[in-house]
């Protein structure tokens, strides 16, 4: 695995990127790092705070209190969307045909993580919570899963999951379909 590809994929998928070891960087190095991060992921929140405490507050603060950010894709992205696609990275969507039990969903996510290993770059899913009540956000960077987050009490009849992967095709996912309950689609043309 190429280390640069791994770093680029992680930066490209991140919602928040926290700059660390800032005590070792000059103001110019910090500026260059922010520019580099923006080149990989212009939508990410960049945390550039001096203290660990301030970085943690900024990175893990109340997401509901954050203002909405207006963003327009740079003209080169709007004109050539296909040129932005990495030849080894693909995005797949899974939708359930029914509402699987919480434990079944967790087993399915674990099976996908185990089957894909290092090829799984990022995953986000909105699934039915325990006992089928409410919705829960499940997400991972690679095979490391974050704490599940309960969402606003909404009811929906299915689950949806997005997988960003490297060196995988549709056939790698079709065998991970929870007994025919999952419909897979590729989000790239």
N, C-alpha and C. Protein backbone atom coordinates (compact mmCIF):
# COMPACT_ATOMS: atom_id res chain seq x y z
N UNK A 1 0.85 -1.17 0.00
CA UNK A 1 0.00 0.00 0.00
C UNK A 1 0.89 1.24 0.00
N UNK A 2 0.60 2.18 -0.85
CA UNK A 2 1.33 3.42 -0.94
C UNK A 2 0.90 4.34 0.19
N UNK A 3 1.84 4.76 1.05
CA UNK A 3 1.51 5.59 2.21
C UNK A 3 0.87 6.91 1.79
N UNK A 4 1.34 7.52 0.69
CA UNK A 4 0.74 8.77 0.23
C UNK A 4 -0.73 8.59 -0.12
N UNK A 5 -1.07 7.50 -0.81
CA UNK A 5 -2.47 7.24 -1.15
C UNK A 5 -3.33 7.12 0.11
N UNK A 6 -2.79 6.46 1.13
CA UNK A 6 -3.53 6.29 2.37
C UNK A 6 -3.77 7.65 3.04
N UNK A 7 -2.73 8.46 3.14
CA UNK A 7 -2.87 9.79 3.76
C UNK A 7 -3.83 10.65 2.94
N UNK A 8 -3.69 10.65 1.62
CA UNK A 8 -4.57 11.45 0.76
C UNK A 8 -6.03 11.03 0.92
N UNK A 9 -6.27 9.74 0.99
CA UNK A 9 -7.64 9.24 1.14
C UNK A 9 -8.21 9.64 2.50
N UNK A 10 -7.42 9.54 3.55
CA UNK A 10 -7.90 9.92 4.89
C UNK A 10 -8.18 11.42 4.96
N UNK A 11 -7.28 12.24 4.43
CA UNK A 11 -7.52 13.68 4.43
C UNK A 11 -8.74 14.04 3.58
N UNK A 12 -8.87 13.37 2.45
CA UNK A 12 -9.99 13.67 1.56
C UNK A 12 -11.33 13.29 2.15
N UNK A 13 -11.37 12.32 3.04
CA UNK A 13 -12.63 11.85 3.61
C UNK A 13 -12.99 12.53 4.94
N UNK A 14 -12.04 13.23 5.54
CA UNK A 14 -12.25 13.79 6.88
C UNK A 14 -13.20 14.97 6.89
N UNK A 15 -13.98 15.05 7.95
CA UNK A 15 -14.82 16.23 8.17
C UNK A 15 -14.03 17.29 8.91
N UNK A 16 -13.17 16.86 9.82
CA UNK A 16 -12.35 17.76 10.62
C UNK A 16 -10.92 17.26 10.57
N UNK A 17 -9.98 18.18 10.36
CA UNK A 17 -8.56 17.83 10.34
C UNK A 17 -7.87 18.70 11.38
N UNK A 18 -7.32 18.05 12.42
CA UNK A 18 -6.65 18.78 13.50
C UNK A 18 -5.15 18.77 13.26
N UNK A 19 -4.59 19.97 13.20
CA UNK A 19 -3.14 20.09 13.05
C UNK A 19 -2.52 19.92 14.43
N UNK A 20 -1.48 19.09 14.52
CA UNK A 20 -0.82 18.82 15.80
C UNK A 20 0.66 19.16 15.71
N UNK A 21 1.32 19.08 16.85
CA UNK A 21 2.77 19.39 16.96
C UNK A 21 3.05 20.80 16.46
N UNK A 22 2.12 21.70 16.72
CA UNK A 22 2.24 23.07 16.23
C UNK A 22 3.36 23.84 16.92
N UNK A 23 3.78 23.39 18.09
CA UNK A 23 4.90 24.04 18.77
C UNK A 23 6.21 23.86 18.00
N UNK A 24 6.24 22.92 17.08
CA UNK A 24 7.44 22.66 16.28
C UNK A 24 7.41 23.36 14.92
N UNK A 25 6.29 24.04 14.62
CA UNK A 25 6.12 24.65 13.29
C UNK A 25 6.14 26.18 13.38
N UNK A 26 6.75 26.77 12.37
CA UNK A 26 6.74 28.23 12.27
C UNK A 26 5.39 28.69 11.71
N UNK A 27 5.13 29.97 11.77
CA UNK A 27 3.88 30.51 11.22
C UNK A 27 3.78 30.19 9.73
N UNK A 28 4.89 30.26 9.01
CA UNK A 28 4.89 29.96 7.58
C UNK A 28 4.60 28.47 7.33
N UNK A 29 5.16 27.58 8.13
CA UNK A 29 4.89 26.14 7.98
C UNK A 29 3.42 25.83 8.26
N UNK A 30 2.85 26.52 9.24
CA UNK A 30 1.43 26.32 9.54
C UNK A 30 0.56 26.79 8.39
N UNK A 31 0.91 27.93 7.81
CA UNK A 31 0.15 28.45 6.67
C UNK A 31 0.22 27.48 5.50
N UNK A 32 1.41 26.96 5.22
CA UNK A 32 1.57 26.00 4.13
C UNK A 32 0.79 24.71 4.41
N UNK A 33 0.78 24.28 5.66
CA UNK A 33 0.01 23.08 6.02
C UNK A 33 -1.47 23.30 5.79
N UNK A 34 -2.00 24.48 6.18
CA UNK A 34 -3.42 24.79 5.95
C UNK A 34 -3.74 24.80 4.46
N UNK A 35 -2.86 25.36 3.65
CA UNK A 35 -3.06 25.37 2.20
C UNK A 35 -3.06 23.96 1.63
N UNK A 36 -2.14 23.13 2.10
CA UNK A 36 -2.07 21.75 1.64
C UNK A 36 -3.33 20.98 2.01
N UNK A 37 -3.80 21.16 3.23
CA UNK A 37 -5.04 20.50 3.68
C UNK A 37 -6.21 20.95 2.81
N UNK A 38 -6.29 22.24 2.55
CA UNK A 38 -7.38 22.76 1.71
C UNK A 38 -7.32 22.18 0.30
N UNK A 39 -6.13 21.88 -0.18
CA UNK A 39 -6.00 21.25 -1.49
C UNK A 39 -6.54 19.83 -1.52
N UNK A 40 -6.36 19.11 -0.43
CA UNK A 40 -6.88 17.74 -0.33
C UNK A 40 -8.38 17.73 -0.06
N UNK A 41 -8.84 18.65 0.79
CA UNK A 41 -10.23 18.61 1.23
C UNK A 41 -10.73 20.01 1.57
N UNK A 42 -11.23 20.73 0.59
CA UNK A 42 -11.69 22.10 0.84
C UNK A 42 -12.93 22.18 1.73
N UNK A 43 -13.61 21.06 1.98
CA UNK A 43 -14.81 21.07 2.81
C UNK A 43 -14.51 20.81 4.29
N UNK A 44 -13.32 20.34 4.61
CA UNK A 44 -13.00 19.97 5.99
C UNK A 44 -12.82 21.20 6.86
N UNK A 45 -13.22 21.03 8.12
CA UNK A 45 -12.92 22.04 9.13
C UNK A 45 -11.47 21.82 9.54
N UNK A 46 -10.64 22.86 9.46
CA UNK A 46 -9.23 22.74 9.83
C UNK A 46 -9.06 23.33 11.23
N UNK A 47 -8.57 22.51 12.15
CA UNK A 47 -8.35 22.95 13.51
C UNK A 47 -6.88 23.30 13.65
N UNK A 48 -6.60 24.59 13.88
CA UNK A 48 -5.24 25.11 13.97
C UNK A 48 -5.15 25.91 15.28
N UNK A 49 -5.27 25.22 16.40
CA UNK A 49 -5.22 25.87 17.70
C UNK A 49 -3.93 25.46 18.41
N UNK A 50 -3.40 26.39 19.22
CA UNK A 50 -2.12 26.13 19.86
C UNK A 50 -2.18 25.09 20.97
N UNK A 51 -3.21 25.13 21.80
CA UNK A 51 -3.24 24.21 22.93
C UNK A 51 -4.06 22.97 22.60
N UNK A 52 -3.71 21.87 23.26
CA UNK A 52 -4.43 20.62 23.08
C UNK A 52 -5.90 20.82 23.48
N UNK A 53 -6.12 21.53 24.55
CA UNK A 53 -7.48 21.79 25.04
C UNK A 53 -8.31 22.55 24.00
N UNK A 54 -7.72 23.60 23.41
CA UNK A 54 -8.44 24.38 22.40
C UNK A 54 -8.70 23.55 21.14
N UNK A 55 -7.71 22.71 20.75
CA UNK A 55 -7.91 21.84 19.59
C UNK A 55 -9.06 20.87 19.83
N UNK A 56 -9.09 20.28 21.01
CA UNK A 56 -10.16 19.33 21.32
C UNK A 56 -11.52 20.03 21.32
N UNK A 57 -11.60 21.19 21.92
CA UNK A 57 -12.88 21.93 21.93
C UNK A 57 -13.34 22.27 20.51
N UNK A 58 -12.40 22.72 19.70
CA UNK A 58 -12.76 23.10 18.34
C UNK A 58 -13.12 21.87 17.49
N UNK A 59 -12.37 20.80 17.65
CA UNK A 59 -12.61 19.59 16.84
C UNK A 59 -13.87 18.85 17.27
N UNK A 60 -14.14 18.80 18.57
CA UNK A 60 -15.26 18.00 19.07
C UNK A 60 -16.37 18.85 19.66
N UNK A 61 -16.39 20.12 19.32
CA UNK A 61 -17.42 21.02 19.85
C UNK A 61 -18.81 20.63 19.39
N UNK A 62 -19.77 21.35 19.86
CA UNK A 62 -21.18 21.11 19.55
C UNK A 62 -21.42 21.38 18.07
N UNK A 63 -21.65 20.33 17.31
CA UNK A 63 -21.82 20.48 15.87
C UNK A 63 -23.12 21.20 15.53
N UNK A 64 -24.11 21.16 16.43
CA UNK A 64 -25.36 21.86 16.15
C UNK A 64 -25.20 23.37 16.30
N UNK A 65 -24.19 23.80 17.06
CA UNK A 65 -23.98 25.23 17.27
C UNK A 65 -23.12 25.85 16.17
N UNK A 66 -22.45 25.00 15.38
CA UNK A 66 -21.59 25.53 14.32
C UNK A 66 -22.43 26.20 13.24
N UNK A 67 -21.97 27.36 12.74
CA UNK A 67 -22.71 27.99 11.65
C UNK A 67 -22.57 27.18 10.37
N UNK A 68 -23.55 27.27 9.52
CA UNK A 68 -23.46 26.61 8.22
C UNK A 68 -22.48 27.38 7.35
N UNK A 69 -21.67 26.65 6.63
CA UNK A 69 -20.67 27.29 5.78
C UNK A 69 -21.13 27.20 4.33
N UNK A 70 -21.11 28.32 3.67
CA UNK A 70 -21.42 28.33 2.24
C UNK A 70 -20.16 27.87 1.51
N UNK A 71 -20.33 27.00 0.55
CA UNK A 71 -19.19 26.53 -0.21
C UNK A 71 -19.61 26.29 -1.64
N UNK A 72 -18.78 26.76 -2.55
CA UNK A 72 -19.00 26.52 -3.97
C UNK A 72 -17.75 25.85 -4.51
N UNK A 73 -17.93 24.82 -5.29
CA UNK A 73 -16.79 24.11 -5.86
C UNK A 73 -15.99 25.05 -6.75
N UNK A 74 -14.66 24.99 -6.66
CA UNK A 74 -13.84 25.79 -7.56
C UNK A 74 -14.19 25.47 -9.02
N UNK A 75 -13.98 26.42 -9.90
CA UNK A 75 -14.39 26.26 -11.29
C UNK A 75 -13.75 25.04 -11.94
N UNK A 76 -12.49 24.73 -11.62
CA UNK A 76 -11.87 23.57 -12.25
C UNK A 76 -12.58 22.28 -11.84
N UNK A 77 -13.16 22.23 -10.64
CA UNK A 77 -13.90 21.04 -10.21
C UNK A 77 -15.24 20.95 -10.91
N UNK A 78 -15.91 22.08 -11.08
CA UNK A 78 -17.20 22.06 -11.75
C UNK A 78 -17.04 21.68 -13.21
N UNK A 79 -15.94 22.09 -13.84
CA UNK A 79 -15.74 21.85 -15.26
C UNK A 79 -15.25 20.43 -15.55
N UNK A 80 -14.56 19.81 -14.61
CA UNK A 80 -13.98 18.50 -14.89
C UNK A 80 -14.10 17.60 -13.68
N UNK A 81 -15.32 17.22 -13.34
CA UNK A 81 -15.57 16.37 -12.18
C UNK A 81 -14.84 15.04 -12.31
N UNK A 82 -14.83 14.47 -13.47
CA UNK A 82 -14.20 13.16 -13.68
C UNK A 82 -12.70 13.21 -13.38
N UNK A 83 -12.04 14.34 -13.65
CA UNK A 83 -10.61 14.45 -13.42
C UNK A 83 -10.27 14.35 -11.93
N UNK A 84 -11.24 14.59 -11.04
CA UNK A 84 -10.99 14.53 -9.61
C UNK A 84 -11.01 13.11 -9.06
N UNK A 85 -11.55 12.17 -9.80
CA UNK A 85 -11.67 10.81 -9.30
C UNK A 85 -10.31 10.12 -9.30
N UNK A 86 -9.97 9.54 -8.18
CA UNK A 86 -8.73 8.79 -8.07
C UNK A 86 -8.94 7.43 -8.73
N UNK A 87 -7.99 6.95 -9.51
CA UNK A 87 -8.21 5.69 -10.23
C UNK A 87 -8.38 4.46 -9.32
N UNK A 88 -7.94 4.54 -8.07
CA UNK A 88 -8.03 3.38 -7.18
C UNK A 88 -9.14 3.51 -6.14
N UNK A 89 -9.75 4.68 -6.02
CA UNK A 89 -10.74 4.93 -4.97
C UNK A 89 -12.15 4.91 -5.58
N UNK A 90 -13.06 4.22 -4.92
CA UNK A 90 -14.45 4.13 -5.36
C UNK A 90 -15.38 4.41 -4.20
N UNK A 91 -16.59 4.82 -4.52
CA UNK A 91 -17.61 5.11 -3.51
C UNK A 91 -18.84 4.27 -3.82
N UNK A 92 -19.30 3.54 -2.81
CA UNK A 92 -20.46 2.68 -2.96
C UNK A 92 -21.50 3.03 -1.90
N UNK A 93 -22.76 2.84 -2.28
CA UNK A 93 -23.88 3.09 -1.37
C UNK A 93 -24.63 1.78 -1.16
N UNK A 94 -25.00 1.54 0.09
CA UNK A 94 -25.82 0.38 0.44
C UNK A 94 -27.13 0.88 1.04
N UNK A 95 -28.23 0.34 0.55
CA UNK A 95 -29.55 0.66 1.11
C UNK A 95 -30.24 -0.65 1.44
N UNK A 96 -30.88 -0.68 2.59
CA UNK A 96 -31.58 -1.91 2.98
C UNK A 96 -32.97 -1.92 2.37
N UNK A 97 -33.46 -3.11 2.15
CA UNK A 97 -34.82 -3.28 1.63
C UNK A 97 -35.83 -3.33 2.78
N UNK A 98 -35.35 -3.45 4.02
CA UNK A 98 -36.21 -3.43 5.19
C UNK A 98 -35.43 -2.80 6.35
N UNK A 99 -35.88 -2.94 7.56
CA UNK A 99 -35.19 -2.38 8.71
C UNK A 99 -34.58 -3.52 9.53
N UNK A 100 -33.28 -3.78 9.33
CA UNK A 100 -32.65 -4.86 10.09
C UNK A 100 -32.51 -4.50 11.56
N UNK A 101 -32.43 -5.52 12.40
CA UNK A 101 -32.23 -5.31 13.83
C UNK A 101 -30.86 -4.67 14.07
N UNK A 102 -30.74 -3.94 15.17
CA UNK A 102 -29.51 -3.24 15.55
C UNK A 102 -28.31 -4.21 15.54
N UNK A 103 -28.46 -5.36 16.19
CA UNK A 103 -27.36 -6.32 16.28
C UNK A 103 -26.98 -6.86 14.90
N UNK A 104 -27.97 -7.08 14.05
CA UNK A 104 -27.71 -7.56 12.69
C UNK A 104 -26.92 -6.50 11.90
N UNK A 105 -27.30 -5.24 12.08
CA UNK A 105 -26.59 -4.15 11.39
C UNK A 105 -25.15 -4.06 11.86
N UNK A 106 -24.92 -4.15 13.17
CA UNK A 106 -23.55 -4.08 13.69
C UNK A 106 -22.71 -5.26 13.19
N UNK A 107 -23.30 -6.45 13.15
CA UNK A 107 -22.59 -7.62 12.61
C UNK A 107 -22.23 -7.40 11.15
N UNK A 108 -23.16 -6.84 10.37
CA UNK A 108 -22.94 -6.59 8.95
C UNK A 108 -21.78 -5.60 8.77
N UNK A 109 -21.78 -4.51 9.56
CA UNK A 109 -20.70 -3.52 9.47
C UNK A 109 -19.35 -4.15 9.83
N UNK A 110 -19.36 -4.98 10.86
CA UNK A 110 -18.13 -5.65 11.27
C UNK A 110 -17.65 -6.61 10.18
N UNK A 111 -18.57 -7.31 9.55
CA UNK A 111 -18.21 -8.22 8.45
C UNK A 111 -17.60 -7.46 7.28
N UNK A 112 -18.17 -6.31 6.95
CA UNK A 112 -17.62 -5.50 5.86
C UNK A 112 -16.22 -5.02 6.22
N UNK A 113 -16.07 -4.51 7.42
CA UNK A 113 -14.77 -4.03 7.88
C UNK A 113 -13.73 -5.15 7.83
N UNK A 114 -14.09 -6.33 8.31
CA UNK A 114 -13.16 -7.46 8.29
C UNK A 114 -12.84 -7.93 6.88
N UNK A 115 -13.84 -7.95 6.01
CA UNK A 115 -13.63 -8.43 4.64
C UNK A 115 -12.77 -7.46 3.83
N UNK A 116 -12.97 -6.16 4.04
CA UNK A 116 -12.24 -5.17 3.24
C UNK A 116 -10.89 -4.80 3.83
N UNK A 117 -10.76 -4.87 5.14
CA UNK A 117 -9.49 -4.53 5.79
C UNK A 117 -8.98 -3.16 5.40
N UNK A 118 -7.72 -3.11 4.96
CA UNK A 118 -7.09 -1.83 4.61
C UNK A 118 -7.72 -1.16 3.39
N UNK A 119 -8.54 -1.86 2.66
CA UNK A 119 -9.20 -1.25 1.50
C UNK A 119 -10.34 -0.33 1.91
N UNK A 120 -10.85 -0.48 3.14
CA UNK A 120 -11.91 0.42 3.63
C UNK A 120 -11.26 1.70 4.11
N UNK A 121 -11.57 2.80 3.43
CA UNK A 121 -11.00 4.09 3.80
C UNK A 121 -11.92 4.86 4.74
N UNK A 122 -13.22 4.83 4.44
CA UNK A 122 -14.18 5.62 5.24
C UNK A 122 -15.56 5.02 5.06
N UNK A 123 -16.36 5.07 6.14
CA UNK A 123 -17.73 4.59 6.09
C UNK A 123 -18.59 5.50 6.94
N UNK A 124 -19.78 5.80 6.42
CA UNK A 124 -20.81 6.52 7.18
C UNK A 124 -22.12 5.84 6.90
N UNK A 125 -22.89 5.62 7.97
CA UNK A 125 -24.18 4.95 7.81
C UNK A 125 -25.19 5.55 8.78
N UNK A 126 -26.41 5.66 8.33
CA UNK A 126 -27.52 6.03 9.20
C UNK A 126 -28.40 4.79 9.28
N UNK A 127 -28.53 4.26 10.50
CA UNK A 127 -29.20 2.99 10.71
C UNK A 127 -30.25 3.11 11.81
N UNK A 128 -31.14 2.12 11.86
CA UNK A 128 -32.12 2.05 12.94
C UNK A 128 -31.38 1.78 14.24
N UNK A 129 -31.76 2.49 15.30
CA UNK A 129 -31.12 2.32 16.60
C UNK A 129 -31.56 1.05 17.30
N UNK A 130 -31.05 0.83 18.50
CA UNK A 130 -31.45 -0.34 19.27
C UNK A 130 -32.97 -0.40 19.43
N UNK A 131 -33.51 -1.58 19.34
CA UNK A 131 -34.96 -1.81 19.41
C UNK A 131 -35.71 -1.12 18.28
N UNK A 132 -34.99 -0.74 17.21
CA UNK A 132 -35.62 -0.11 16.05
C UNK A 132 -36.08 1.31 16.29
N UNK A 133 -35.64 1.93 17.38
CA UNK A 133 -36.10 3.28 17.73
C UNK A 133 -35.08 4.33 17.29
N UNK A 134 -35.57 5.36 16.60
CA UNK A 134 -34.71 6.45 16.19
C UNK A 134 -33.67 6.01 15.17
N UNK A 135 -32.72 6.89 14.92
CA UNK A 135 -31.64 6.61 13.99
C UNK A 135 -30.31 6.90 14.65
N UNK A 136 -29.29 6.15 14.23
CA UNK A 136 -27.95 6.26 14.78
C UNK A 136 -26.97 6.43 13.63
N UNK A 137 -25.99 7.32 13.82
CA UNK A 137 -24.92 7.52 12.84
C UNK A 137 -23.76 6.62 13.24
N UNK A 138 -23.37 5.73 12.32
CA UNK A 138 -22.17 4.91 12.50
C UNK A 138 -21.15 5.41 11.49
N UNK A 139 -19.89 5.52 11.92
CA UNK A 139 -18.86 5.98 10.99
C UNK A 139 -17.52 5.40 11.37
N UNK A 140 -16.67 5.28 10.35
CA UNK A 140 -15.33 4.77 10.59
C UNK A 140 -14.35 5.49 9.68
N UNK A 141 -13.13 5.53 10.15
CA UNK A 141 -11.99 5.90 9.31
C UNK A 141 -11.17 4.62 9.26
N UNK A 142 -11.09 4.06 8.07
CA UNK A 142 -10.49 2.74 7.95
C UNK A 142 -11.36 1.75 8.69
N UNK A 143 -10.73 0.88 9.44
CA UNK A 143 -11.49 -0.12 10.20
C UNK A 143 -11.69 0.30 11.65
N UNK A 144 -11.39 1.56 11.97
CA UNK A 144 -11.59 2.09 13.32
C UNK A 144 -12.91 2.83 13.37
N UNK A 145 -13.83 2.32 14.18
CA UNK A 145 -15.16 2.90 14.27
C UNK A 145 -15.24 3.92 15.40
N UNK A 146 -15.93 5.01 15.12
CA UNK A 146 -16.19 6.02 16.15
C UNK A 146 -17.37 5.57 17.00
N UNK A 147 -17.55 6.23 18.12
CA UNK A 147 -18.70 5.97 18.98
C UNK A 147 -19.98 6.24 18.19
N UNK A 148 -20.96 5.35 18.21
CA UNK A 148 -22.23 5.62 17.53
C UNK A 148 -22.87 6.89 18.10
N UNK A 149 -23.50 7.68 17.21
CA UNK A 149 -24.15 8.93 17.64
C UNK A 149 -25.63 8.87 17.32
N UNK A 150 -26.44 9.03 18.35
CA UNK A 150 -27.89 9.05 18.16
C UNK A 150 -28.26 10.35 17.47
N UNK A 151 -29.10 10.25 16.45
CA UNK A 151 -29.55 11.41 15.70
C UNK A 151 -30.91 11.87 16.22
N UNK A 152 -31.36 12.97 15.72
CA UNK A 152 -32.68 13.47 16.07
C UNK A 152 -33.69 12.36 15.83
N UNK A 153 -34.70 12.31 16.64
CA UNK A 153 -35.70 11.23 16.55
C UNK A 153 -36.45 11.29 15.22
N UNK A 154 -35.90 10.64 14.23
CA UNK A 154 -36.56 10.53 12.94
C UNK A 154 -36.86 9.07 12.69
N UNK A 155 -37.86 8.81 11.95
CA UNK A 155 -38.19 7.43 11.61
C UNK A 155 -38.07 7.27 10.10
N UNK A 156 -37.46 6.21 9.69
CA UNK A 156 -37.34 5.88 8.28
C UNK A 156 -37.37 4.36 8.18
N UNK A 157 -37.74 3.87 7.05
CA UNK A 157 -37.92 2.43 6.92
C UNK A 157 -36.67 1.69 6.47
N UNK A 158 -35.60 2.39 6.14
CA UNK A 158 -34.42 1.69 5.66
C UNK A 158 -33.16 2.28 6.27
N UNK A 159 -32.03 1.67 5.94
CA UNK A 159 -30.74 2.21 6.33
C UNK A 159 -30.01 2.61 5.06
N UNK A 160 -29.06 3.50 5.22
CA UNK A 160 -28.22 3.89 4.11
C UNK A 160 -26.78 3.98 4.61
N UNK A 161 -25.85 3.48 3.82
CA UNK A 161 -24.45 3.50 4.19
C UNK A 161 -23.62 3.87 2.97
N UNK A 162 -22.61 4.69 3.19
CA UNK A 162 -21.66 5.08 2.14
C UNK A 162 -20.30 4.51 2.51
N UNK A 163 -19.66 3.87 1.55
CA UNK A 163 -18.34 3.28 1.75
C UNK A 163 -17.38 3.88 0.74
N UNK A 164 -16.29 4.44 1.23
CA UNK A 164 -15.21 4.92 0.37
C UNK A 164 -14.10 3.89 0.50
N UNK A 165 -13.72 3.30 -0.63
CA UNK A 165 -12.80 2.17 -0.60
C UNK A 165 -11.69 2.33 -1.64
N UNK A 166 -10.65 1.56 -1.44
CA UNK A 166 -9.54 1.56 -2.39
C UNK A 166 -9.40 0.16 -2.96
N UNK A 167 -9.23 0.09 -4.27
CA UNK A 167 -8.98 -1.18 -4.97
C UNK A 167 -10.08 -2.22 -4.74
N UNK A 168 -11.33 -1.78 -4.76
CA UNK A 168 -12.49 -2.67 -4.61
C UNK A 168 -13.47 -2.41 -5.74
N UNK A 169 -14.22 -3.43 -6.08
CA UNK A 169 -15.27 -3.29 -7.07
C UNK A 169 -16.60 -3.74 -6.49
N UNK A 170 -17.64 -3.62 -7.28
CA UNK A 170 -18.97 -4.00 -6.84
C UNK A 170 -19.03 -5.44 -6.36
N UNK A 171 -18.29 -6.32 -7.02
CA UNK A 171 -18.32 -7.74 -6.63
C UNK A 171 -17.82 -7.96 -5.21
N UNK A 172 -16.96 -7.09 -4.71
CA UNK A 172 -16.47 -7.22 -3.34
C UNK A 172 -17.58 -6.95 -2.33
N UNK A 173 -18.58 -6.18 -2.74
CA UNK A 173 -19.66 -5.83 -1.83
C UNK A 173 -20.88 -6.73 -1.97
N UNK A 174 -21.14 -7.21 -3.16
CA UNK A 174 -22.37 -7.97 -3.40
C UNK A 174 -22.48 -9.21 -2.53
N UNK A 175 -21.37 -9.78 -2.12
CA UNK A 175 -21.43 -10.95 -1.25
C UNK A 175 -21.68 -10.56 0.20
N UNK A 176 -21.64 -9.27 0.50
CA UNK A 176 -21.87 -8.76 1.86
C UNK A 176 -23.23 -8.07 1.93
N UNK A 177 -24.27 -8.80 1.54
CA UNK A 177 -25.58 -8.15 1.35
C UNK A 177 -26.61 -8.50 2.41
N UNK A 178 -26.21 -9.02 3.55
CA UNK A 178 -27.12 -9.35 4.64
C UNK A 178 -28.26 -10.25 4.17
N UNK A 179 -27.92 -11.30 3.44
CA UNK A 179 -28.93 -12.25 2.99
C UNK A 179 -29.90 -11.69 1.97
N UNK A 180 -29.43 -10.84 1.10
CA UNK A 180 -30.28 -10.28 0.06
C UNK A 180 -31.05 -9.03 0.47
N UNK A 181 -30.80 -8.55 1.69
CA UNK A 181 -31.55 -7.40 2.18
C UNK A 181 -30.94 -6.06 1.76
N UNK A 182 -29.77 -6.08 1.13
CA UNK A 182 -29.06 -4.84 0.78
C UNK A 182 -29.01 -4.66 -0.73
N UNK A 183 -29.25 -3.45 -1.17
CA UNK A 183 -29.13 -3.06 -2.58
C UNK A 183 -27.91 -2.15 -2.69
N UNK A 184 -26.92 -2.57 -3.48
CA UNK A 184 -25.66 -1.83 -3.64
C UNK A 184 -25.70 -0.99 -4.93
N UNK A 185 -25.15 0.20 -4.87
CA UNK A 185 -24.97 1.02 -6.07
C UNK A 185 -23.61 1.70 -6.00
N UNK A 186 -23.05 1.99 -7.17
CA UNK A 186 -21.81 2.75 -7.25
C UNK A 186 -22.20 4.21 -7.45
N UNK A 187 -21.51 5.10 -6.73
CA UNK A 187 -21.82 6.52 -6.83
C UNK A 187 -20.93 7.23 -7.83
N UNK A 188 -20.26 6.46 -8.67
CA UNK A 188 -19.42 7.04 -9.71
C UNK A 188 -19.85 6.51 -11.05
N UNK A 189 -19.72 7.36 -12.05
CA UNK A 189 -20.10 6.91 -13.39
C UNK A 189 -18.88 6.46 -14.17
